[in-house]
Every structure is written in structure tokens, then in C-alpha cells.
């Protein structure tokens, strides 16, 4: 599997050679993949898809839900820190085939999207507020759309919703394993 993931990363480097790319990280074969929009400033410094306070919040919620943070995989739709500009729909679309191949290679049971950009990048073209709280069968995995940790840090109500969503993941993974 690692060879295939290395192939995805090599293809990304070729296509986006003018960017300082930050690749997904975590356990290959993980049952859970988290997808966020793009690495933030902390992610760019640390070379991680999710870093700083966002990473601390997600890891805290995972631990409190009984999910081993070493057994999940984190990635982004956009593989670089876009500084102060918002990625364009065309730019997002250019990364989507790589994201889909990366997810296929990791082989999760559940993919959790953090925010609207991640949700759209995965292929569900709906505003998050329309689909939050629901799960979707995406063939080989179940999609769980939720909020970006940055929003949760700013809004206590969103924090509660994110915490509730994360607490459901272990049960969703167990349900998907029963279906197989």
C-alpha cells in the first residue's frame, strides 16, 4: 500500500512542482480518514496536514471518544498552505483526483470531512449545514461531514456539534464492519 501512496505523492509533486506540498500522514490501512481544506500556517511550519490548535482539538476529541490518534489518517484537499487567499473552485478540483486516490489507497471504513471545502472536495456538493449530522454511503466508505476545528474554536455551539460528531465515529466504524 505504501508504494501506491508514494506514487500518489510523486504524481502530486510532478503536477504541482511550484508548490511546497504537505502530504497526508497517519496509519495506512486506517479505518478512519480525516480530510480538511488545506494545511494552515501551523501545518505549513510543521509539515503536517493538521497542526497547532486545530490538531490539539481534534486529538483531544478523538481521545475522549476512545479513538487512538495513532490509528487514524489525516489529509487535505489542497496540499499546500495558500497563505491569505482562498483556493478557487478550479484549484480545488485540480487536487481532487489525488485526494480520491489517496483515500482509496489508505482504505478507510469512514471518511470525516472537516468543513465545506473538504466536503466539496470529497464530492458532496452541498453546504455543510444542509448535510451535517447525516452519514452517506460512498461505496467503499461512509462519509461523515462535520465542522472544521477552527470554527469550533470560535463558536461554543459548533464545538459541541463537532464533539458529538467525533463521539459517533467509533460506532459508525463498528456498523460499517458489520455490513461487510
Protein backbone atom coordinates (compact mmCIF):
# COMPACT_ATOMS: atom_id res chain seq x y z
CA UNK A 1 0.00 0.00 0.00
CA UNK A 2 2.78 2.43 0.87
CA UNK A 3 4.13 2.11 -2.67
CA UNK A 4 0.81 3.28 -4.07
CA UNK A 5 0.67 6.21 -1.65
CA UNK A 6 4.23 7.11 -2.63
CA UNK A 7 3.10 7.00 -6.27
CA UNK A 8 0.24 9.41 -5.47
CA UNK A 9 2.67 11.78 -3.73
CA UNK A 10 5.15 11.55 -6.64
CA UNK A 11 2.36 12.39 -9.11
CA UNK A 12 1.36 15.35 -6.92
CA UNK A 13 4.97 16.61 -6.88
CA UNK A 14 5.10 16.42 -10.68
CA UNK A 15 1.82 18.25 -11.23
CA UNK A 16 2.36 20.91 -8.55
CA UNK A 17 6.14 21.30 -8.69
CA UNK A 18 5.86 25.03 -7.93
CA UNK A 19 4.28 24.40 -4.50
CA UNK A 20 5.64 23.32 -1.13
CA UNK A 21 3.35 20.33 -0.73
CA UNK A 22 2.24 18.80 2.55
CA UNK A 23 1.10 15.21 2.27
CA UNK A 24 -1.33 13.21 4.34
CA UNK A 25 0.00 11.35 7.32
CA UNK A 26 -1.04 8.61 9.66
CA UNK A 27 -1.78 4.94 9.55
CA UNK A 28 -2.07 3.31 6.13
CA UNK A 29 -4.98 0.89 6.39
CA UNK A 30 -6.60 3.12 9.00
CA UNK A 31 -10.33 2.70 9.44
CA UNK A 32 -10.73 6.49 9.75
CA UNK A 33 -9.50 9.28 7.46
CA UNK A 34 -9.95 12.95 8.31
CA UNK A 35 -9.99 15.38 5.39
CA UNK A 36 -9.68 19.12 5.90
CA UNK A 37 -9.43 22.00 3.43
CA UNK A 38 -5.69 22.78 3.39
CA UNK A 39 -2.79 22.99 5.82
CA UNK A 40 -2.92 26.14 7.91
CA UNK A 41 0.04 28.27 8.86
CA UNK A 42 0.99 25.86 11.67
CA UNK A 43 0.69 22.95 9.24
CA UNK A 44 3.00 24.69 6.78
CA UNK A 45 5.60 25.21 9.53
CA UNK A 46 5.33 21.66 10.87
CA UNK A 47 4.80 19.94 7.51
CA UNK A 48 1.54 18.37 8.71
CA UNK A 49 -1.96 18.39 7.20
CA UNK A 50 -3.48 19.38 10.55
CA UNK A 51 -1.39 21.12 13.21
CA UNK A 52 -1.44 23.64 16.04
CA UNK A 53 -4.68 24.28 17.93
CA UNK A 54 -6.76 22.52 15.25
CA UNK A 55 -4.77 19.33 15.71
CA UNK A 56 -4.88 19.63 19.52
CA UNK A 57 -8.68 19.96 19.48
CA UNK A 58 -9.26 17.01 17.12
CA UNK A 59 -6.81 14.81 19.04
CA UNK A 60 -8.45 15.71 22.35
CA UNK A 61 -11.91 14.85 20.95
CA UNK A 62 -10.60 11.58 19.49
CA UNK A 63 -9.01 10.54 22.78
CA UNK A 64 -12.16 11.38 24.74
CA UNK A 65 -14.11 9.20 22.27
CA UNK A 66 -11.75 6.26 22.77
CA UNK A 67 -10.13 6.52 19.34
CA UNK A 68 -6.36 6.01 19.17
CA UNK A 69 -4.95 9.06 17.39
CA UNK A 70 -2.08 6.94 16.06
CA UNK A 71 -4.54 4.77 14.15
CA UNK A 72 -6.15 7.46 12.02
CA UNK A 73 -5.03 9.21 8.86
CA UNK A 74 -5.14 12.98 8.24
CA UNK A 75 -5.03 14.69 4.87
CA UNK A 76 -6.15 17.79 2.98
CA UNK A 77 -7.94 18.52 -0.26
CA UNK A 78 -5.39 21.23 -1.12
CA UNK A 79 -1.87 20.01 -0.34
CA UNK A 80 -0.25 23.38 0.41
CA UNK A 81 -0.82 26.41 2.63
CA UNK A 82 -2.49 29.04 0.41
CA UNK A 83 -1.26 31.98 2.54
CA UNK A 84 -4.09 34.52 2.78
CA UNK A 85 -6.05 33.61 -0.32
CA UNK A 86 -8.98 31.25 -0.54
CA UNK A 87 -8.43 28.39 -3.02
CA UNK A 88 -10.53 28.74 -6.17
CA UNK A 89 -13.01 26.03 -7.22
CA UNK A 90 -10.73 25.24 -10.20
CA UNK A 91 -7.75 24.85 -7.86
CA UNK A 92 -9.72 22.58 -5.52
CA UNK A 93 -10.85 20.49 -8.49
CA UNK A 94 -7.23 20.04 -9.64
CA UNK A 95 -6.38 18.26 -6.36
CA UNK A 96 -9.50 16.06 -6.13
CA UNK A 97 -8.25 13.09 -8.22
CA UNK A 98 -5.18 12.85 -5.98
CA UNK A 99 -7.31 13.02 -2.83
CA UNK A 100 -9.61 10.25 -4.10
CA UNK A 101 -6.64 8.02 -4.96
CA UNK A 102 -5.06 8.75 -1.56
CA UNK A 103 -8.27 7.73 0.23
CA UNK A 104 -8.61 4.61 -1.92
CA UNK A 105 -5.02 3.68 -1.04
CA UNK A 106 -5.49 4.18 2.71
CA UNK A 107 -8.73 2.14 2.53
CA UNK A 108 -10.79 3.56 5.40
CA UNK A 109 -14.23 2.49 6.57
CA UNK A 110 -15.10 6.09 7.49
CA UNK A 111 -14.04 9.44 5.99
CA UNK A 112 -14.71 12.51 8.11
CA UNK A 113 -14.70 15.84 6.28
CA UNK A 114 -13.86 18.91 8.35
CA UNK A 115 -15.59 21.92 6.77
CA UNK A 116 -17.20 22.89 3.46
CA UNK A 117 -14.08 22.77 1.26
CA UNK A 118 -13.31 19.22 2.39
CA UNK A 119 -16.93 18.19 1.87
CA UNK A 120 -16.98 19.59 -1.66
CA UNK A 121 -13.53 18.15 -2.39
CA UNK A 122 -14.71 14.67 -1.48
CA UNK A 123 -17.54 15.02 -3.98
CA UNK A 124 -20.61 16.07 -1.99
CA UNK A 125 -21.55 19.44 -3.41
CA UNK A 126 -23.80 20.57 -0.59
CA UNK A 127 -23.35 23.25 2.06
CA UNK A 128 -22.29 21.63 5.33
CA UNK A 129 -25.32 22.98 7.20
CA UNK A 130 -27.59 21.01 4.81
CA UNK A 131 -25.91 17.65 5.47
CA UNK A 132 -24.42 17.91 8.96
CA UNK A 133 -25.46 15.11 11.29
CA UNK A 134 -26.06 12.64 8.46
CA UNK A 135 -23.88 9.88 7.04
CA UNK A 136 -23.52 8.97 3.38
CA UNK A 137 -22.51 5.72 1.72
CA UNK A 138 -19.66 6.47 -0.67
CA UNK A 139 -19.19 2.90 -1.84
CA UNK A 140 -16.11 1.68 -0.04
CA UNK A 141 -16.58 4.03 2.92
CA UNK A 142 -19.11 6.00 4.95
CA UNK A 143 -18.84 9.79 4.76
CA UNK A 144 -19.33 11.83 7.93
CA UNK A 145 -19.46 15.59 7.26
CA UNK A 146 -18.65 17.83 10.22
CA UNK A 147 -17.19 21.20 11.12
CA UNK A 148 -13.64 22.44 10.83
CA UNK A 149 -11.91 22.66 14.25
CA UNK A 150 -11.12 26.33 13.58
CA UNK A 151 -14.86 27.11 13.55
CA UNK A 152 -15.34 25.03 16.70
CA UNK A 153 -12.67 27.07 18.49
CA UNK A 154 -14.59 30.27 17.72
CA UNK A 155 -18.14 29.08 18.43
CA UNK A 156 -19.11 27.00 21.51
CA UNK A 157 -22.21 25.65 19.74
CA UNK A 158 -20.13 24.40 16.81
CA UNK A 159 -17.63 22.93 19.29
CA UNK A 160 -20.43 20.90 20.86
CA UNK A 161 -21.61 19.69 17.44
CA UNK A 162 -18.06 18.70 16.41
CA UNK A 163 -17.55 16.85 19.72
CA UNK A 164 -20.85 14.99 19.20
CA UNK A 165 -19.86 14.04 15.65
CA UNK A 166 -16.44 12.76 16.73
CA UNK A 167 -18.03 10.74 19.53
CA UNK A 168 -20.22 8.94 16.92
CA UNK A 169 -17.30 7.83 14.74
CA UNK A 170 -16.35 4.71 16.69
CA UNK A 171 -19.95 3.46 16.46
CA UNK A 172 -20.11 4.26 12.72
CA UNK A 173 -16.88 2.28 12.13
CA UNK A 174 -18.34 -0.67 14.05
CA UNK A 175 -21.55 -0.52 11.98
CA UNK A 176 -19.62 -0.48 8.69
CA UNK A 177 -17.66 -3.54 9.77
CA UNK A 178 -20.90 -5.44 10.46
CA UNK A 179 -22.07 -4.74 6.91
CA UNK A 180 -19.04 -6.45 5.34
